[in-house]
Amino acid sequence: MHVKQSPIHYSNWILFFVGYICFLSPLQSQNEIQNLKDKFKEVGFENIRIMNQNDTLVFCFEDRTYQWKVNGLLKAMELSTSIYPDAKGIQFFLLDRDIPKLSIGLQKKNSKWISKVSNSIDNSWHKLKKEKPQNKSQWKFDFIPYTQFALRNTSFHKIYRVQLNFAPAVEVSPWKGMRFVGQYIFPIYNDLGYWGKWVRPGIIMVQQEFKPFDRWYVNLSWGNYSNYRYGAVMGIRHYFLNNAFAANLQLAYTGKSYYHNNKWFIKEINQLSYRASLEYFLPYYGLHIELGYEKYIADDQGLRFDLSRFFKNTCVGFYATLIEKEISGGFHFAIPILPKKRSKPRRLRVRLPYYFDWEYYSRTNTNRGQYFEIQPDENRIENYYDSKYIETQLKINRDEK
């Protein structure tokens, strides 16, 4: 008996492909997204958000695992391009306390991924931030054993007087943009006199950062700072002219705070100081140029010019000041502290500082040109998010042509 077979119509194939696109492709995409999230968690990245926008992979993360932020960006590129090799494009954002600092775009050219870095945060972030973050950074404590080293030449019979302190600190971010630091200072060796021989509070402060507009960052701080100051500080930073320049303004309203003979003395807040400066980075030479005008804590004021050279994740620089017709100057540096990768953030983590920084100031009047730091990790590379510097280092390390 002959059995008549039904012909296979083109409509059946069309339905098959429609079903594949509607059901199997989204499932595969979700699996890839979850796979990338799991990889990021294994590395130690936090505040992870990932989505697919018009065949472009878009994600963000915060990195407190790698000592140099460029290494964290390179790792994110390696993982994302390996899981999404055929993506139309890749865009991601580097966060700090869940606030976007950098936008990095990857596009394929001659089968090679080429990176572009910007301080401008576009509309992709506004869509991405609605996603629920995974592996949040909030309420994770870091115990950091800082050291403090100071020397001063103030007498003829002794070349230098030295002070060395052990100054551990606890840091935590309770919510978006917020940072709390609590530090205590334990003298190891003190040859400077003053109040340096006492076990005393160090930097104890709370800081809230905001991003009101694109390329604008504002932070407000209250607390006890270095150089015996306490009070309120506001900082503003703005990138402009295609992110080539950055303008900075810091306003501080402070009073004197010191610890002596096991007593903590706090004087009236009555002193206004400020710093205003312009920055420019020359990528080809790795040079950071900064010119500013400052009013210091002794009510003296003047100009300051900085010239810093970046050697990968090390910064060395010189500076000059003109204060009340007197020219002075000095040098500063920030060098990385090994290892290159710290343990993953957890509820309580003990880690070494990322950098050791130091500044030397040569002047005849020791009361002039004095300012203060508002956080223990204040240096010229750790919180430096200049897009030209980051892009240059990414291209060098990825051998992009």
Protein backbone atom coordinates (compact mmCIF):
# COMPACT_ATOMS: atom_id res chain seq x y z
CA MET A 1 0.00 0.00 0.00
CA HIS A 2 1.34 3.37 -0.94
CA VAL A 3 1.42 5.92 1.85
CA LYS A 4 1.24 9.48 0.74
CA GLN A 5 3.74 11.72 2.56
CA SER A 6 2.89 15.30 3.38
CA PRO A 7 5.30 17.75 1.84
CA ILE A 8 7.37 19.94 4.18
CA HIS A 9 6.15 23.46 3.72
CA TYR A 10 8.32 26.52 4.02
CA SER A 11 5.93 27.79 6.65
CA ASN A 12 7.09 25.01 9.01
CA TRP A 13 10.70 26.16 8.69
CA ILE A 14 9.68 29.75 9.30
CA LEU A 15 7.82 28.74 12.47
CA PHE A 16 10.87 26.78 13.60
CA PHE A 17 13.23 29.74 13.23
CA VAL A 18 10.74 32.10 14.85
CA GLY A 19 10.49 29.73 17.81
CA TYR A 20 14.28 29.51 18.04
CA ILE A 21 14.68 33.27 18.01
CA CYS A 22 11.86 33.89 20.50
CA PHE A 23 12.64 31.14 22.98
CA LEU A 24 16.08 29.57 22.56
CA SER A 25 18.12 32.71 21.79
CA PRO A 26 16.95 34.68 24.87
CA LEU A 27 17.58 31.60 27.00
CA GLN A 28 21.09 31.30 25.62
CA SER A 29 21.67 35.02 26.20
CA GLN A 30 20.51 34.76 29.81
CA ASN A 31 22.82 31.80 30.36
CA GLU A 32 25.78 33.79 29.01
CA ILE A 33 24.89 36.76 31.23
CA GLN A 34 24.68 34.54 34.31
CA ASN A 35 27.96 32.88 33.33
CA LEU A 36 29.67 36.29 33.13
CA LYS A 37 28.18 37.34 36.48
CA ASP A 38 29.53 34.16 38.08
CA LYS A 39 32.99 34.81 36.61
CA PHE A 40 32.98 38.37 37.94
CA LYS A 41 31.99 37.13 41.40
CA GLU A 42 34.85 34.60 41.36
CA VAL A 43 37.30 37.44 40.69
CA GLY A 44 35.81 39.53 43.52
CA PHE A 45 34.03 42.26 41.56
CA GLU A 46 31.08 43.93 43.28
CA ASN A 47 27.88 45.81 42.35
CA ILE A 48 27.64 43.76 39.15
CA ARG A 49 24.93 44.59 36.61
CA ILE A 50 24.77 43.09 33.10
CA MET A 51 22.31 43.49 30.25
CA ASN A 52 22.11 43.16 26.47
CA GLN A 53 21.13 46.32 24.60
CA ASN A 54 20.63 45.93 20.83
CA ASP A 55 23.28 43.17 20.55
CA THR A 56 25.70 45.26 22.63
CA LEU A 57 26.84 43.84 25.95
CA VAL A 58 26.55 46.48 28.70
CA PHE A 59 27.74 45.92 32.27
CA CYS A 60 29.23 47.62 35.32
CA PHE A 61 31.28 46.55 38.32
CA GLU A 62 33.32 47.82 41.24
CA ASP A 63 36.84 46.53 41.77
CA ARG A 64 38.45 46.45 45.23
CA THR A 65 40.42 43.29 44.53
CA TYR A 66 43.16 44.45 42.16
CA GLN A 67 45.73 46.88 43.55
CA TRP A 68 45.84 48.82 40.23
CA LYS A 69 42.47 49.56 38.64
CA VAL A 70 43.87 48.97 35.13
CA ASN A 71 44.47 45.30 35.96
CA GLY A 72 40.84 44.97 37.01
CA LEU A 73 39.69 46.53 33.73
CA LEU A 74 41.92 44.16 31.76
CA LYS A 75 40.41 41.19 33.59
CA ALA A 76 36.87 42.39 32.83
CA MET A 77 37.79 42.75 29.15
CA GLU A 78 39.28 39.27 29.04
CA LEU A 79 36.21 37.63 30.58
CA SER A 80 33.60 39.58 28.59
CA THR A 81 35.26 39.11 25.18
CA SER A 82 35.79 35.39 25.79
CA ILE A 83 32.12 34.79 26.69
CA TYR A 84 30.78 37.23 24.06
CA PRO A 85 33.27 36.90 21.16
CA ASP A 86 30.65 37.78 18.53
CA ALA A 87 29.08 40.75 20.31
CA LYS A 88 28.36 43.78 18.16
CA GLY A 89 30.07 45.87 20.80
CA ILE A 90 30.85 45.93 24.52
CA GLN A 91 30.43 48.85 26.91
CA PHE A 92 31.02 48.87 30.63
CA PHE A 93 31.37 51.24 33.57
CA LEU A 94 33.85 51.23 36.42
CA LEU A 95 32.21 52.11 39.73
CA ASP A 96 33.44 53.54 43.00
CA ARG A 97 30.99 53.08 45.88
CA ASP A 98 28.39 52.31 43.19
CA ILE A 99 28.96 55.64 41.40
CA PRO A 100 30.18 55.45 37.76
CA LYS A 101 33.64 56.96 37.22
CA LEU A 102 34.66 55.68 33.78
CA SER A 103 32.97 54.44 30.62
CA ILE A 104 34.91 51.92 28.52
CA GLY A 105 33.82 50.92 25.03
CA LEU A 106 35.13 47.96 23.01
CA GLN A 107 34.72 47.67 19.24
CA LYS A 108 36.16 45.04 16.89
CA LYS A 109 38.57 46.17 14.20
CA ASN A 110 40.30 43.58 12.02
CA SER A 111 39.28 40.83 14.49
CA LYS A 112 40.86 42.79 17.37
CA TRP A 113 39.06 44.56 20.20
CA ILE A 114 39.94 48.27 20.40
CA SER A 115 39.18 50.20 23.61
CA LYS A 116 37.94 53.75 24.10
CA VAL A 117 37.75 55.32 27.57
CA SER A 118 35.73 58.35 28.60
CA ASN A 119 34.75 60.25 31.72
CA SER A 120 31.38 60.95 30.13
CA ILE A 121 28.64 58.56 31.29
CA ASP A 122 25.97 58.14 28.59
CA ASN A 123 22.34 56.94 28.64
CA SER A 124 23.36 53.27 28.76
CA TRP A 125 24.16 53.75 32.43
CA HIS A 126 20.71 55.14 33.22
CA LYS A 127 19.16 51.95 31.84
CA LEU A 128 21.73 49.67 33.43
CA LYS A 129 21.48 51.12 36.95
CA LYS A 130 17.84 49.95 37.13
CA GLU A 131 19.10 46.35 37.18
CA LYS A 132 19.46 44.77 40.60
CA PRO A 133 23.18 44.68 41.54
CA GLN A 134 24.77 41.39 42.52
CA ASN A 135 27.50 41.00 45.14
CA LYS A 136 26.87 44.39 46.74
CA SER A 137 29.76 46.29 48.32
CA GLN A 138 27.74 47.82 51.15
CA TRP A 139 28.55 46.98 54.77
CA LYS A 140 31.79 45.16 53.97
CA PHE A 141 34.53 46.23 56.36
CA ASP A 142 38.21 46.58 55.47
CA PHE A 143 40.88 46.62 58.19
CA ILE A 144 43.95 48.35 56.69
CA PRO A 145 47.30 48.62 58.55
CA TYR A 146 48.60 51.99 57.34
CA THR A 147 52.00 53.35 58.35
CA GLN A 148 52.97 57.01 58.65
CA PHE A 149 56.47 58.37 58.15
CA ALA A 150 57.63 61.97 58.58
CA LEU A 151 60.98 63.69 58.80
CA ARG A 152 61.94 67.31 59.34
CA ASN A 153 65.16 69.31 59.26
CA THR A 154 64.70 72.08 61.81
CA SER A 155 68.05 72.29 63.66
CA PHE A 156 71.77 72.48 62.94
CA HIS A 157 72.93 69.83 65.42
CA LYS A 158 70.77 67.07 63.88
CA ILE A 159 70.24 66.51 60.17
CA TYR A 160 66.71 65.10 60.38
CA ARG A 161 64.14 64.48 63.05
CA VAL A 162 61.96 61.45 62.38
CA GLN A 163 58.51 60.20 63.28
CA LEU A 164 57.16 56.71 62.52
CA ASN A 165 53.60 55.62 63.37
CA PHE A 166 51.44 52.55 63.00
CA ALA A 167 48.03 53.87 61.95
CA PRO A 168 45.48 51.11 61.26
CA ALA A 169 42.07 52.09 59.90
CA VAL A 170 38.65 50.53 59.39
CA GLU A 171 36.74 51.51 56.25
CA VAL A 172 33.18 50.70 55.17
CA SER A 173 30.59 51.95 52.66
CA PRO A 174 27.10 51.68 54.24
CA TRP A 175 25.25 52.84 51.11
CA LYS A 176 25.76 54.31 47.65
CA GLY A 177 28.39 57.06 47.63
CA MET A 178 28.98 56.87 51.39
CA ARG A 179 32.33 56.15 53.05
CA PHE A 180 33.25 55.91 56.72
CA VAL A 181 36.87 55.81 57.92
CA GLY A 182 37.99 55.28 61.51
CA GLN A 183 41.73 55.42 62.25
CA TYR A 184 43.90 55.31 65.35
CA ILE A 185 47.59 56.21 65.57
CA PHE A 186 50.15 54.27 67.62
CA PRO A 187 53.60 55.94 67.84
CA ILE A 188 56.55 53.68 67.09
CA TYR A 189 59.32 56.28 67.08
CA ASN A 190 58.96 60.02 67.59
CA ASP A 191 61.75 62.57 67.39
CA LEU A 192 59.59 65.52 66.34
CA GLY A 193 58.12 66.44 69.70
CA TYR A 194 54.77 68.23 69.42
CA TRP A 195 51.94 65.84 70.30
CA GLY A 196 53.39 62.87 68.42
CA LYS A 197 54.19 60.69 71.42
CA TRP A 198 50.56 60.00 72.35
CA VAL A 199 48.32 57.19 71.19
CA ARG A 200 45.62 59.27 69.50
CA PRO A 201 42.78 59.35 66.97
CA GLY A 202 43.79 59.71 63.34
CA ILE A 203 41.41 60.37 60.47
CA ILE A 204 37.82 59.73 61.51
CA MET A 205 35.37 60.92 58.90
CA VAL A 206 32.21 60.29 56.93
CA GLN A 207 31.97 61.29 53.28
CA GLN A 208 29.05 61.31 50.87
CA GLU A 209 29.69 61.58 47.14
CA PHE A 210 27.16 62.64 44.49
CA LYS A 211 27.13 62.77 40.70
CA PRO A 212 24.63 65.58 39.97
CA PHE A 213 25.46 65.92 36.25
CA ASP A 214 27.56 64.18 33.64
CA ARG A 215 31.30 64.63 34.35
CA TRP A 216 30.53 66.44 37.65
CA TYR A 217 31.37 64.92 41.05
CA VAL A 218 30.65 66.48 44.45
CA ASN A 219 31.61 65.11 47.87
CA LEU A 220 30.81 66.36 51.37
CA SER A 221 32.91 65.30 54.38
CA TRP A 222 32.76 65.80 58.10
CA GLY A 223 35.29 64.55 60.60
CA ASN A 224 38.75 64.64 62.13
CA TYR A 225 41.55 64.94 59.56
CA SER A 226 45.33 64.97 59.43
CA ASN A 227 47.51 67.87 60.60
CA TYR A 228 45.27 68.47 63.65
CA ARG A 229 42.22 69.70 61.74
CA TYR A 230 38.52 68.84 62.01
CA GLY A 231 35.38 70.20 60.42
CA ALA A 232 33.50 70.24 57.11
CA VAL A 233 34.99 69.85 53.63
CA MET A 234 33.35 70.06 50.20
CA GLY A 235 35.07 68.86 47.03
CA ILE A 236 34.03 69.41 43.40
CA ARG A 237 35.59 67.88 40.28
CA HIS A 238 34.55 68.51 36.66
CA TYR A 239 35.94 67.10 33.39
CA PHE A 240 35.59 69.31 30.30
CA LEU A 241 36.83 69.97 26.74
CA ASN A 242 36.45 66.36 25.61
CA ASN A 243 37.69 65.18 29.03
CA ALA A 244 41.13 66.64 28.33
CA PHE A 245 41.00 68.97 31.35
CA ALA A 246 39.75 68.63 34.92
CA ALA A 247 38.83 71.46 37.28
CA ASN A 248 39.00 70.95 41.06
CA LEU A 249 37.72 72.96 43.98
CA GLN A 250 37.98 72.07 47.66
CA LEU A 251 36.48 74.27 50.39
CA ALA A 252 37.18 73.54 54.05
CA TYR A 253 35.79 75.15 57.19
CA THR A 254 37.83 73.72 60.07
CA GLY A 255 39.20 74.17 63.56
CA LYS A 256 42.11 72.74 65.52
CA SER A 257 41.89 69.23 66.98
CA TYR A 258 44.70 67.57 68.91
CA TYR A 259 45.37 64.93 71.55
CA HIS A 260 47.71 65.72 74.43
CA ASN A 261 48.35 64.08 77.79
CA ASN A 262 45.53 61.58 77.19
CA LYS A 263 43.03 64.36 76.50
CA TRP A 264 41.40 65.34 73.22
CA PHE A 265 41.22 69.12 72.70
CA ILE A 266 38.89 70.65 70.11
CA LYS A 267 39.01 74.35 69.29
CA GLU A 268 36.38 76.53 67.64
CA ILE A 269 35.80 76.08 63.90
CA ASN A 270 36.83 79.45 62.48
CA GLN A 271 39.24 78.90 59.59
CA LEU A 272 38.35 78.83 55.87
CA SER A 273 40.84 77.23 53.52
CA TYR A 274 40.54 76.19 49.91
CA ARG A 275 42.22 74.68 46.87
CA ALA A 276 41.36 75.48 43.25
CA SER A 277 43.26 73.92 40.36
CA LEU A 278 43.26 72.90 36.69
CA GLU A 279 44.69 69.56 35.50
CA TYR A 280 45.88 68.29 32.14
CA PHE A 281 47.31 64.88 31.21
CA LEU A 282 49.73 64.37 28.30
CA PRO A 283 49.21 60.71 27.26
CA TYR A 284 52.28 60.39 25.04
CA TYR A 285 54.66 61.39 27.84
CA GLY A 286 52.59 60.14 30.77
CA LEU A 287 52.77 63.62 32.30
CA HIS A 288 50.22 65.12 34.65
CA ILE A 289 50.28 68.92 34.87
CA GLU A 290 48.41 70.84 37.57
CA LEU A 291 48.29 74.55 38.38
CA GLY A 292 46.38 75.84 41.36
CA TYR A 293 45.79 78.57 43.88
CA GLU A 294 45.52 77.62 47.55
CA LYS A 295 44.73 79.18 50.91
CA TYR A 296 46.34 77.23 53.74
CA ILE A 297 45.48 76.62 57.39
CA ALA A 298 47.71 79.48 58.63
CA ASP A 299 45.79 81.93 56.37
CA ASP A 300 48.77 82.19 54.00
CA GLN A 301 47.98 81.70 50.31
CA GLY A 302 49.70 81.34 46.98
CA LEU A 303 50.26 79.43 43.75
CA ARG A 304 51.27 75.79 43.37
CA PHE A 305 52.53 74.06 40.21
CA ASP A 306 52.80 70.25 40.00
CA LEU A 307 54.48 68.12 37.34
CA SER A 308 54.03 64.36 37.79
CA ARG A 309 55.22 61.44 35.68
CA PHE A 310 53.32 58.15 35.60
CA PHE A 311 55.29 54.94 35.17
CA LYS A 312 52.52 52.37 34.78
CA ASN A 313 51.14 52.17 38.36
CA THR A 314 53.79 54.41 39.95
CA CYS A 315 53.72 58.19 40.14
CA VAL A 316 56.72 60.48 40.81
CA GLY A 317 56.52 64.26 40.71
CA PHE A 318 57.95 67.62 41.64
CA TYR A 319 56.20 70.82 42.63
CA ALA A 320 56.87 74.48 43.32
CA THR A 321 54.96 77.03 45.39
CA LEU A 322 54.89 80.80 45.43
CA ILE A 323 53.59 81.92 48.83
CA GLU A 324 53.83 85.56 49.86
CA LYS A 325 56.71 86.19 47.40
CA GLU A 326 58.68 83.18 48.66
CA ILE A 327 59.44 80.33 46.23
CA SER A 328 59.65 76.84 47.70
CA GLY A 329 59.17 73.33 46.40
CA GLY A 330 59.56 69.62 46.90
CA PHE A 331 58.76 66.20 45.49
CA HIS A 332 56.20 63.46 46.00
CA PHE A 333 55.67 59.86 44.96
CA ALA A 334 53.16 57.02 45.17
CA ILE A 335 54.42 53.47 44.75
CA PRO A 336 52.36 50.25 44.69
CA ILE A 337 52.40 47.82 47.59
CA LEU A 338 52.43 44.15 46.64
CA PRO A 339 50.64 41.85 46.01
CA LYS A 340 48.93 42.97 42.79
CA LYS A 341 45.70 41.26 43.82
CA ARG A 342 44.07 41.34 47.24
CA SER A 343 41.65 38.81 48.69
CA LYS A 344 38.00 39.18 47.71
CA PRO A 345 35.97 41.68 49.79
CA ARG A 346 33.87 40.03 52.49
CA ARG A 347 32.05 41.02 55.64
CA LEU A 348 35.44 41.66 57.30
CA ARG A 349 38.67 41.70 55.29
CA VAL A 350 42.22 42.47 56.36
CA ARG A 351 44.27 43.90 53.51
CA LEU A 352 47.39 45.96 52.96
CA PRO A 353 47.13 49.50 51.58
CA TYR A 354 47.24 49.69 47.80
CA TYR A 355 49.95 52.39 47.74
CA PHE A 356 52.61 54.03 49.86
CA ASP A 357 52.75 57.78 49.24
CA TRP A 358 54.99 60.50 50.59
CA GLU A 359 55.60 64.21 50.01
CA TYR A 360 58.65 66.27 50.91
CA TYR A 361 58.44 70.05 51.19
CA SER A 362 61.52 72.28 51.36
CA ARG A 363 60.78 75.67 52.95
CA THR A 364 62.34 78.17 55.35
CA ASN A 365 59.13 78.95 57.25
CA THR A 366 57.65 75.66 58.51
CA ASN A 367 54.26 77.25 59.20
CA ARG A 368 53.68 78.22 55.59
CA GLY A 369 52.05 76.07 52.94
CA GLN A 370 50.43 73.64 55.39
CA TYR A 371 47.26 71.80 54.46
CA PHE A 372 45.69 68.50 55.52
CA GLU A 373 44.41 65.20 54.11
CA ILE A 374 40.82 64.08 54.61
CA GLN A 375 41.37 60.34 54.03
CA PRO A 376 44.27 57.91 54.61
CA ASP A 377 44.55 56.77 50.96
CA GLU A 378 44.89 60.28 49.53
CA ASN A 379 47.52 60.02 46.80
CA ARG A 380 47.99 60.85 43.13
CA ILE A 381 47.16 57.49 41.59
CA GLU A 382 44.74 55.42 43.71
CA ASN A 383 41.71 57.66 43.16
CA TYR A 384 42.87 59.03 39.81
CA TYR A 385 40.21 58.43 37.13
CA ASP A 386 41.57 60.47 34.23
CA SER A 387 40.30 58.77 31.03
CA LYS A 388 43.41 59.60 28.99
CA TYR A 389 45.69 57.97 31.54
CA ILE A 390 43.50 54.85 31.80
CA GLU A 391 43.10 54.53 28.03
CA THR A 392 46.84 54.85 27.45
CA GLN A 393 47.62 52.13 29.98
CA LEU A 394 44.95 49.79 28.55
CA LYS A 395 46.33 50.16 25.02
CA ILE A 396 49.90 49.54 26.19
CA ASN A 397 48.99 46.46 28.20
CA ARG A 398 46.72 45.05 25.46
CA ASP A 399 49.14 45.96 22.65
CA GLU A 400 46.45 47.80 20.70
CA LYS A 401 47.59 49.37 17.44
